[in-house]
Amino acid sequence: MTTRPSSPRLAAASRPADPARPADLGRQIGIIAATCFMLIAAAVGTGAFGGTSVQDLQGGALDSDGSFLAPARPAFGIWSVIYLLLIAYTVWQALPSQRADVRQRAIGWWIALTAVLNGVWLVTAQFANLPLTVLAIFALLAALAVTFQRTVVVRRERVVDAILIDGATGLHLGWVSLASVANTAAWLTQAGLDVSMPDVWGIGVLIVVAAIGIAIPILSGGRFAPGLAIAWGLVWLGVGRLTGEPASVPIGITAIVVAVLVLVAPIVVITMRSRRGGRWFTP
């Protein structure tokens, strides 16, 4: 069920696009260039062209045993999904039919910025130091938060939009939200921060992650892609603490409980909206 657009931007997204402008072609080319940079930077940053492998970056600080808040290695497989969606989006947005699209105009350059910052983080991890990786990942997180907000405000009831814009941006935001926590924990651990009660601090951080994971669907009308990525990372964080090093049963169990809460939150929001006769859902 659909509802009447509730804002000028929402209404604009439902109107036919204005005629294409030269800036629209520039945006399409810019997004292609940004995605190419991201892929090349990813190859360089992960050591595909030589250099240090991912698990050994920063002296192993970013590996699954780098801190109490690091997910197990399989969690990082989500990057493949995010990259595939971003590549598919890049191809789709380059079509002539998308050149003057209102939604593309609203979010295109922001998605390009997130692709560039994604690549910058990987290159920073390969060639710089941990404090700079923390700065880079929080810059990426901020850009993703703005991009996601714009996808919520300017939306379209189309499957392709839901998958290639809402889904890709949501997964990217959710994963980087958790990755920023792990990155910061790795930095503080390598810096020699003496935490007398790591279990307590770890659980405290996970409570904050839970608050963020629950707030996102509430503020976005039930978007579930960010929570899906956060929960994915949390489950593997729990596996890492329950089966690997550094071991922590309290953190492991808390991570899995928070993952469930984050997954359930958008379902509750969607259910409540549908009972009130609201729009169904977007990823």
Protein backbone atom coordinates (compact mmCIF):
# COMPACT_ATOMS: atom_id res chain seq x y z
CA MET A 1 0.00 0.00 0.00
CA THR A 2 1.31 3.44 -0.86
CA THR A 3 0.78 6.82 0.74
CA ARG A 4 0.77 10.33 -0.66
CA PRO A 5 4.24 11.86 -0.78
CA SER A 6 4.79 13.76 2.48
CA SER A 7 7.52 16.19 1.42
CA PRO A 8 8.44 18.32 -1.60
CA ARG A 9 11.38 16.04 -2.40
CA LEU A 10 9.23 12.93 -2.13
CA ALA A 11 6.68 14.54 -4.41
CA ALA A 12 9.44 15.56 -6.81
CA ALA A 13 10.65 11.97 -7.03
CA SER A 14 7.20 10.89 -8.20
CA ARG A 15 7.01 13.49 -11.00
CA PRO A 16 8.43 13.06 -14.49
CA ALA A 17 12.06 14.15 -14.69
CA ASP A 18 13.07 17.52 -16.08
CA PRO A 19 15.02 17.55 -19.35
CA ALA A 20 18.58 16.32 -19.06
CA ARG A 21 21.29 18.88 -18.37
CA PRO A 22 25.05 18.75 -19.05
CA ALA A 23 25.61 18.34 -15.30
CA ASP A 24 23.63 15.09 -15.40
CA LEU A 25 26.09 13.51 -17.82
CA GLY A 26 28.92 14.77 -15.64
CA ARG A 27 27.33 13.07 -12.63
CA GLN A 28 27.05 9.76 -14.47
CA ILE A 29 30.69 9.92 -15.55
CA GLY A 30 31.74 10.95 -12.05
CA ILE A 31 30.04 7.93 -10.51
CA ILE A 32 31.73 5.60 -13.01
CA ALA A 33 35.11 7.16 -12.21
CA ALA A 34 34.48 6.90 -8.45
CA THR A 35 33.55 3.22 -8.69
CA CYS A 36 36.62 2.46 -10.81
CA PHE A 37 38.78 4.21 -8.21
CA MET A 38 37.14 2.18 -5.44
CA LEU A 39 37.83 -1.12 -7.20
CA ILE A 40 41.44 -0.25 -7.99
CA ALA A 41 41.98 1.00 -4.43
CA ALA A 42 40.42 -2.19 -3.08
CA ALA A 43 42.87 -4.28 -5.10
CA VAL A 44 45.80 -2.17 -3.93
CA GLY A 45 44.59 -2.01 -0.33
CA THR A 46 44.09 -5.75 -0.03
CA GLY A 47 47.50 -6.53 -1.49
CA ALA A 48 46.28 -7.94 -4.80
CA PHE A 49 49.06 -6.07 -6.64
CA GLY A 50 51.65 -6.87 -4.02
CA GLY A 51 52.02 -5.56 -0.50
CA THR A 52 50.56 -6.74 2.78
CA SER A 53 47.55 -9.07 2.79
CA VAL A 54 44.35 -7.93 4.50
CA GLN A 55 44.74 -10.03 7.64
CA ASP A 56 48.28 -8.73 8.18
CA LEU A 57 47.55 -5.04 7.66
CA GLN A 58 48.65 -2.73 10.47
CA GLY A 59 50.55 -5.55 12.14
CA GLY A 60 47.44 -7.72 12.22
CA ALA A 61 45.48 -5.16 14.23
CA LEU A 62 42.57 -5.31 11.77
CA ASP A 63 42.37 -9.10 11.77
CA SER A 64 39.71 -11.12 13.58
CA ASP A 65 41.87 -11.41 16.71
CA GLY A 66 42.92 -7.75 16.73
CA SER A 67 40.51 -6.72 19.49
CA PHE A 68 37.53 -7.88 21.53
CA LEU A 69 35.20 -6.19 19.01
CA ALA A 70 36.60 -7.68 15.80
CA PRO A 71 34.30 -9.96 13.77
CA ALA A 72 35.54 -13.36 12.61
CA ARG A 73 36.99 -13.43 9.08
CA PRO A 74 33.89 -14.78 7.25
CA ALA A 75 32.06 -11.56 8.16
CA PHE A 76 34.16 -9.62 5.66
CA GLY A 77 32.58 -11.55 2.81
CA ILE A 78 29.81 -8.94 2.88
CA TRP A 79 32.18 -6.61 1.02
CA SER A 80 31.71 -8.77 -2.09
CA VAL A 81 27.94 -8.21 -1.95
CA ILE A 82 28.34 -4.47 -1.40
CA TYR A 83 30.81 -4.14 -4.27
CA LEU A 84 28.61 -6.14 -6.65
CA LEU A 85 25.62 -3.93 -5.82
CA LEU A 86 27.66 -0.76 -6.29
CA ILE A 87 28.96 -2.00 -9.64
CA ALA A 88 25.42 -2.87 -10.73
CA TYR A 89 24.23 0.56 -9.58
CA THR A 90 27.03 2.24 -11.53
CA VAL A 91 25.99 0.47 -14.73
CA TRP A 92 22.29 1.19 -14.18
CA GLN A 93 22.69 4.87 -13.34
CA ALA A 94 24.75 5.34 -16.52
CA LEU A 95 21.75 4.47 -18.71
CA PRO A 96 20.22 7.39 -20.65
CA SER A 97 16.91 6.79 -18.86
CA GLN A 98 18.55 7.66 -15.54
CA ARG A 99 20.35 10.79 -16.69
CA ALA A 100 17.68 13.28 -15.62
CA ASP A 101 16.10 11.17 -12.88
CA VAL A 102 15.25 13.26 -9.80
CA ARG A 103 16.47 10.63 -7.37
CA GLN A 104 19.76 10.16 -9.20
CA ARG A 105 20.31 13.90 -9.02
CA ALA A 106 19.68 13.87 -5.29
CA ILE A 107 21.99 10.99 -4.35
CA GLY A 108 24.34 10.29 -7.26
CA TRP A 109 27.26 12.45 -6.17
CA TRP A 110 26.88 11.25 -2.60
CA ILE A 111 27.16 7.62 -3.67
CA ALA A 112 30.23 8.59 -5.68
CA LEU A 113 31.73 10.16 -2.55
CA THR A 114 31.12 7.01 -0.51
CA ALA A 115 32.83 4.94 -3.21
CA VAL A 116 35.88 7.21 -3.14
CA LEU A 117 36.07 7.20 0.67
CA ASN A 118 35.70 3.42 0.66
CA GLY A 119 38.78 3.19 -1.53
CA VAL A 120 40.63 5.78 0.54
CA TRP A 121 40.11 3.72 3.70
CA LEU A 122 41.61 0.62 2.09
CA VAL A 123 44.62 2.49 0.75
CA THR A 124 45.07 4.14 4.16
CA ALA A 125 45.02 0.73 5.85
CA GLN A 126 47.73 -0.49 3.46
CA PHE A 127 50.08 2.50 3.53
CA ALA A 128 49.28 4.73 6.54
CA ASN A 129 48.64 4.13 10.25
CA LEU A 130 45.70 3.10 12.41
CA PRO A 131 44.69 6.60 13.58
CA LEU A 132 44.33 7.64 9.93
CA THR A 133 42.25 4.53 9.17
CA VAL A 134 39.91 5.55 11.99
CA LEU A 135 39.63 9.05 10.54
CA ALA A 136 38.99 7.62 7.07
CA ILE A 137 36.32 5.17 8.16
CA PHE A 138 34.42 7.79 10.17
CA ALA A 139 34.50 10.11 7.16
CA LEU A 140 33.02 7.24 5.13
CA LEU A 141 30.42 6.61 7.83
CA ALA A 142 29.36 10.28 7.83
CA ALA A 143 29.03 10.31 4.04
CA LEU A 144 26.99 7.10 4.12
CA ALA A 145 24.69 8.51 6.80
CA VAL A 146 23.93 11.55 4.61
CA THR A 147 23.47 9.35 1.53
CA PHE A 148 21.12 7.03 3.38
CA GLN A 149 19.09 9.96 4.70
CA ARG A 150 18.66 11.26 1.18
CA THR A 151 17.48 7.85 -0.05
CA VAL A 152 14.80 7.95 2.64
CA VAL A 153 13.64 11.48 1.83
CA VAL A 154 13.73 11.12 -1.96
CA ARG A 155 12.39 7.66 -2.71
CA ARG A 156 10.76 5.69 -5.50
CA GLU A 157 8.46 2.67 -5.39
CA ARG A 158 10.51 0.65 -7.89
CA VAL A 159 12.20 -2.70 -7.39
CA VAL A 160 15.41 -1.61 -9.09
CA ASP A 161 15.64 1.44 -6.83
CA ALA A 162 14.99 -0.71 -3.78
CA ILE A 163 17.83 -3.09 -4.64
CA LEU A 164 20.49 -0.89 -6.25
CA ILE A 165 20.00 2.29 -4.23
CA ASP A 166 18.27 1.50 -0.94
CA GLY A 167 19.72 -1.99 -0.56
CA ALA A 168 23.28 -1.11 -1.55
CA THR A 169 23.42 2.07 0.52
CA GLY A 170 21.76 0.40 3.50
CA LEU A 171 24.13 -2.57 3.54
CA HIS A 172 27.11 -0.25 3.10
CA LEU A 173 25.97 1.97 5.99
CA GLY A 174 25.22 -0.95 8.31
CA TRP A 175 28.52 -2.72 7.73
CA VAL A 176 30.62 0.44 8.03
CA SER A 177 28.77 1.34 11.25
CA LEU A 178 30.03 -1.86 12.83
CA ALA A 179 33.40 -1.75 11.05
CA SER A 180 34.05 1.71 12.51
CA VAL A 181 33.61 0.23 15.99
CA ALA A 182 36.00 -2.63 15.22
CA ASN A 183 38.51 -0.24 13.60
CA THR A 184 38.49 2.06 16.63
CA ALA A 185 38.85 -0.87 19.02
CA ALA A 186 41.81 -2.15 16.97
CA TRP A 187 43.49 1.25 17.16
CA LEU A 188 43.00 1.56 20.92
CA THR A 189 44.19 -2.01 21.46
CA GLN A 190 47.34 -1.50 19.40
CA ALA A 191 47.95 1.81 21.18
CA GLY A 192 48.18 -0.15 24.44
CA LEU A 193 45.05 1.19 26.11
CA ASP A 194 44.81 -0.63 29.44
CA VAL A 195 41.21 -1.68 29.99
CA SER A 196 40.80 -3.46 33.31
CA MET A 197 37.34 -4.82 32.47
CA PRO A 198 37.22 -5.49 28.70
CA ASP A 199 34.00 -7.49 28.98
CA VAL A 200 32.18 -4.57 30.58
CA TRP A 201 33.50 -2.07 28.06
CA GLY A 202 32.74 -4.40 25.18
CA ILE A 203 29.16 -4.93 26.32
CA GLY A 204 28.76 -1.17 26.77
CA VAL A 205 29.86 -0.53 23.19
CA LEU A 206 27.51 -3.24 21.92
CA ILE A 207 24.61 -1.57 23.74
CA VAL A 208 25.40 1.61 21.81
CA VAL A 209 25.48 -0.44 18.59
CA ALA A 210 22.06 -1.86 19.52
CA ALA A 211 20.68 1.65 20.03
CA ILE A 212 21.96 2.72 16.61
CA GLY A 213 20.68 -0.45 14.93
CA ILE A 214 17.22 0.04 16.42
CA ALA A 215 17.10 3.78 15.74
CA ILE A 216 17.81 3.40 12.01
CA PRO A 217 14.57 1.56 11.09
CA ILE A 218 12.55 3.78 13.43
CA LEU A 219 13.85 6.94 11.76
CA SER A 220 13.71 5.53 8.22
CA GLY A 221 10.27 3.93 8.28
CA GLY A 222 11.41 0.32 8.58
CA ARG A 223 14.49 0.08 6.34
CA PHE A 224 16.04 -3.32 7.06
CA ALA A 225 19.25 -3.40 4.97
CA PRO A 226 21.39 -1.49 7.53
CA GLY A 227 20.26 -3.79 10.34
CA LEU A 228 20.89 -6.84 8.18
CA ALA A 229 24.53 -5.82 7.69
CA ILE A 230 24.98 -4.88 11.36
CA ALA A 231 23.48 -8.18 12.50
CA TRP A 232 25.70 -10.12 10.07
CA GLY A 233 28.78 -8.52 11.57
CA LEU A 234 27.55 -8.97 15.13
CA VAL A 235 26.90 -12.68 14.68
CA TRP A 236 30.45 -13.18 13.43
CA LEU A 237 31.75 -10.98 16.23
CA GLY A 238 29.96 -13.31 18.63
CA VAL A 239 31.43 -16.36 16.90
CA GLY A 240 34.89 -14.82 17.14
CA ARG A 241 34.64 -14.23 20.88
CA LEU A 242 33.07 -17.62 21.62
CA THR A 243 35.40 -19.74 19.49
CA GLY A 244 38.52 -17.64 18.87
CA GLU A 245 40.91 -15.18 20.47
CA PRO A 246 40.62 -12.96 22.37
CA ALA A 247 37.91 -15.04 24.01
CA SER A 248 34.98 -13.47 25.86
CA VAL A 249 31.77 -15.35 26.50
CA PRO A 250 29.92 -12.23 27.79
CA ILE A 251 30.79 -10.19 24.70
CA GLY A 252 30.03 -13.12 22.39
CA ILE A 253 26.58 -13.72 23.85
CA THR A 254 25.79 -9.99 23.96
CA ALA A 255 26.76 -9.60 20.31
CA ILE A 256 24.37 -12.36 19.24
CA VAL A 257 21.53 -10.96 21.38
CA VAL A 258 22.07 -7.50 19.88
CA ALA A 259 22.08 -9.03 16.38
CA VAL A 260 18.62 -10.49 17.03
CA LEU A 261 17.32 -7.16 18.36
CA VAL A 262 18.64 -5.29 15.34
CA LEU A 263 17.01 -7.78 12.99
CA VAL A 264 13.67 -7.67 14.78
CA ALA A 265 13.49 -3.86 14.98
CA PRO A 266 12.57 -3.18 11.32
CA ILE A 267 10.05 -6.03 11.37
CA VAL A 268 8.29 -4.37 14.31
CA VAL A 269 8.36 -0.97 12.59
CA ILE A 270 7.03 -2.41 9.31
CA THR A 271 4.28 -4.31 11.12
CA MET A 272 3.16 -1.22 13.01
CA ARG A 273 3.16 0.87 9.83
CA SER A 274 1.17 -1.72 7.89
CA ARG A 275 -1.44 -1.91 10.64
CA ARG A 276 -1.85 1.86 10.45
CA GLY A 277 -2.27 1.61 6.68
CA GLY A 278 1.19 2.96 5.85
CA ARG A 279 3.51 2.07 3.04
CA TRP A 280 4.91 -1.48 3.14
CA PHE A 281 8.71 -1.45 3.08
CA THR A 282 11.91 -0.60 1.28
CA PRO A 283 15.24 -2.31 2.00
